[in-house]
Amino acid sequence: MGMKNLQKRILIVESDENTRDGLREFFVVHNYLVDTEKNGAEAFKKLNSEYYDALIVDDNIKQLSGIKLVEQVRSKNKSITIYFT
C-alpha cells in the first residue's frame, strides 16, 4: 500500500521574476509542492486542470488581473486559500 502524498500544493502567480522565485524557494524548503506562473491567463488554465490547496497571487499580473483571477477561481473552488502579494 503506497503512502498518500500529504504535501500541500501551491500555485504562485507573480509578475516579478525575483519575487516569484523567492516565494517558490521558500515554500519548497518548507515541503510544499509549488507551481508558478507569471500571468493570470496561464494561471487560470493551470487552476482548471490541477488541484491546489492555496493560491498566492500578485494583484498586478498581466492578461487577467489578480482580482479577476480570484473572482473566477472563487466561482469554481470555494475551498482554496488565497493570498495576495
C-alpha atoms as a PDB file:
ATOM      1  CA  MET A   1       0.000   0.000   0.000  1.00  0.00           C
ATOM      2  CA  GLY A   2       1.514   3.364  -1.067  1.00  0.00           C
ATOM      3  CA  MET A   3       1.725   6.351   1.189  1.00  0.00           C
ATOM      4  CA  LYS A   4      -0.631   9.173   0.358  1.00  0.00           C
ATOM      5  CA  ASN A   5       1.135  12.390  -0.632  1.00  0.00           C
ATOM      6  CA  LEU A   6       0.459  14.798   2.222  1.00  0.00           C
ATOM      7  CA  GLN A   7       2.318  17.749   0.728  1.00  0.00           C
ATOM      8  CA  LYS A   8       0.174  20.801   0.070  1.00  0.00           C
ATOM      9  CA  ARG A   9       0.144  22.227  -3.455  1.00  0.00           C
ATOM     10  CA  ILE A  10       0.513  25.951  -4.041  1.00  0.00           C
ATOM     11  CA  LEU A  11       0.255  27.988  -7.225  1.00  0.00           C
ATOM     12  CA  ILE A  12       2.208  31.248  -7.128  1.00  0.00           C
ATOM     13  CA  VAL A  13       1.169  33.852  -9.699  1.00  0.00           C
ATOM     14  CA  GLU A  14       3.642  36.707  -9.610  1.00  0.00           C
ATOM     15  CA  SER A  15       4.750  39.067 -12.378  1.00  0.00           C
ATOM     16  CA  ASP A  16       8.121  39.860 -10.820  1.00  0.00           C
ATOM     17  CA  GLU A  17      10.568  37.032 -11.503  1.00  0.00           C
ATOM     18  CA  ASN A  18      12.691  37.627  -8.384  1.00  0.00           C
ATOM     19  CA  THR A  19       9.657  37.664  -6.100  1.00  0.00           C
ATOM     20  CA  ARG A  20       8.195  34.605  -7.829  1.00  0.00           C
ATOM     21  CA  ASP A  21      11.453  32.666  -7.471  1.00  0.00           C
ATOM     22  CA  GLY A  22      11.913  33.744  -3.852  1.00  0.00           C
ATOM     23  CA  LEU A  23       8.411  32.651  -2.894  1.00  0.00           C
ATOM     24  CA  ARG A  24       8.848  29.346  -4.727  1.00  0.00           C
ATOM     25  CA  GLU A  25      12.134  28.624  -2.948  1.00  0.00           C
ATOM     26  CA  PHE A  26      10.655  29.498   0.462  1.00  0.00           C
ATOM     27  CA  PHE A  27       7.722  27.120   0.066  1.00  0.00           C
ATOM     28  CA  VAL A  28       9.768  24.300  -1.473  1.00  0.00           C
ATOM     29  CA  VAL A  29      12.150  24.440   1.508  1.00  0.00           C
ATOM     30  CA  HIS A  30       9.082  24.130   3.758  1.00  0.00           C
ATOM     31  CA  ASN A  31       7.962  20.973   1.945  1.00  0.00           C
ATOM     32  CA  TYR A  32       5.239  22.358  -0.326  1.00  0.00           C
ATOM     33  CA  LEU A  33       4.706  21.338  -3.932  1.00  0.00           C
ATOM     34  CA  VAL A  34       4.902  24.588  -5.891  1.00  0.00           C
ATOM     35  CA  ASP A  35       3.982  25.659  -9.413  1.00  0.00           C
ATOM     36  CA  THR A  36       4.473  29.194 -10.693  1.00  0.00           C
ATOM     37  CA  GLU A  37       3.019  31.388 -13.416  1.00  0.00           C
ATOM     38  CA  LYS A  38       3.744  34.974 -14.392  1.00  0.00           C
ATOM     39  CA  ASN A  39       0.316  35.920 -15.766  1.00  0.00           C
ATOM     40  CA  GLY A  40      -3.334  35.396 -14.950  1.00  0.00           C
ATOM     41  CA  ALA A  41      -4.357  33.657 -18.166  1.00  0.00           C
ATOM     42  CA  GLU A  42      -1.807  30.856 -17.760  1.00  0.00           C
ATOM     43  CA  ALA A  43      -2.606  30.580 -14.058  1.00  0.00           C
ATOM     44  CA  PHE A  44      -6.313  30.194 -14.827  1.00  0.00           C
ATOM     45  CA  LYS A  45      -5.559  27.336 -17.241  1.00  0.00           C
ATOM     46  CA  LYS A  46      -3.449  25.609 -14.607  1.00  0.00           C
ATOM     47  CA  LEU A  47      -6.097  26.109 -11.917  1.00  0.00           C
ATOM     48  CA  ASN A  48      -8.681  24.480 -14.181  1.00  0.00           C
ATOM     49  CA  SER A  49      -6.542  21.413 -14.808  1.00  0.00           C
ATOM     50  CA  GLU A  50      -4.785  20.866 -11.455  1.00  0.00           C
ATOM     51  CA  TYR A  51      -5.767  20.815  -7.781  1.00  0.00           C
ATOM     52  CA  TYR A  52      -4.178  23.410  -5.483  1.00  0.00           C
ATOM     53  CA  ASP A  53      -4.597  23.934  -1.760  1.00  0.00           C
ATOM     54  CA  ALA A  54      -3.568  27.579  -2.000  1.00  0.00           C
ATOM     55  CA  LEU A  55      -3.125  30.383  -4.495  1.00  0.00           C
ATOM     56  CA  ILE A  56      -0.667  33.221  -3.953  1.00  0.00           C
ATOM     57  CA  VAL A  57      -1.388  35.976  -6.433  1.00  0.00           C
ATOM     58  CA  ASP A  58       0.076  39.349  -7.356  1.00  0.00           C
ATOM     59  CA  ASP A  59      -2.728  41.863  -7.908  1.00  0.00           C
ATOM     60  CA  ASN A  60      -0.704  43.479 -10.733  1.00  0.00           C
ATOM     61  CA  ILE A  61      -0.372  40.457 -13.044  1.00  0.00           C
ATOM     62  CA  LYS A  62      -0.983  40.763 -16.785  1.00  0.00           C
ATOM     63  CA  GLN A  63      -3.511  39.154 -19.177  1.00  0.00           C
ATOM     64  CA  LEU A  64      -6.005  38.616 -16.363  1.00  0.00           C
ATOM     65  CA  SER A  65      -5.768  40.808 -13.271  1.00  0.00           C
ATOM     66  CA  GLY A  66      -5.267  39.264  -9.859  1.00  0.00           C
ATOM     67  CA  ILE A  67      -8.738  40.365  -8.775  1.00  0.00           C
ATOM     68  CA  LYS A  68     -10.395  38.893 -11.882  1.00  0.00           C
ATOM     69  CA  LEU A  69      -8.427  35.670 -11.485  1.00  0.00           C
ATOM     70  CA  VAL A  70      -9.564  35.341  -7.873  1.00  0.00           C
ATOM     71  CA  GLU A  71     -13.200  36.041  -8.831  1.00  0.00           C
ATOM     72  CA  GLN A  72     -13.098  33.300 -11.462  1.00  0.00           C
ATOM     73  CA  VAL A  73     -11.338  30.830  -9.164  1.00  0.00           C
ATOM     74  CA  ARG A  74     -13.753  31.507  -6.278  1.00  0.00           C
ATOM     75  CA  SER A  75     -16.755  30.836  -8.516  1.00  0.00           C
ATOM     76  CA  LYS A  76     -15.445  27.298  -9.106  1.00  0.00           C
ATOM     77  CA  ASN A  77     -13.479  26.486  -5.955  1.00  0.00           C
ATOM     78  CA  LYS A  78     -14.783  27.893  -2.681  1.00  0.00           C
ATOM     79  CA  SER A  79     -12.265  25.998  -0.536  1.00  0.00           C
ATOM     80  CA  ILE A  80      -8.949  27.223  -1.998  1.00  0.00           C
ATOM     81  CA  THR A  81      -6.960  29.513   0.290  1.00  0.00           C
ATOM     82  CA  ILE A  82      -5.960  32.755  -1.454  1.00  0.00           C
ATOM     83  CA  TYR A  83      -3.237  35.233  -0.509  1.00  0.00           C
ATOM     84  CA  PHE A  84      -2.376  38.485  -2.298  1.00  0.00           C
ATOM     85  CA  THR A  85       1.188  39.765  -2.611  1.00  0.00           C
END
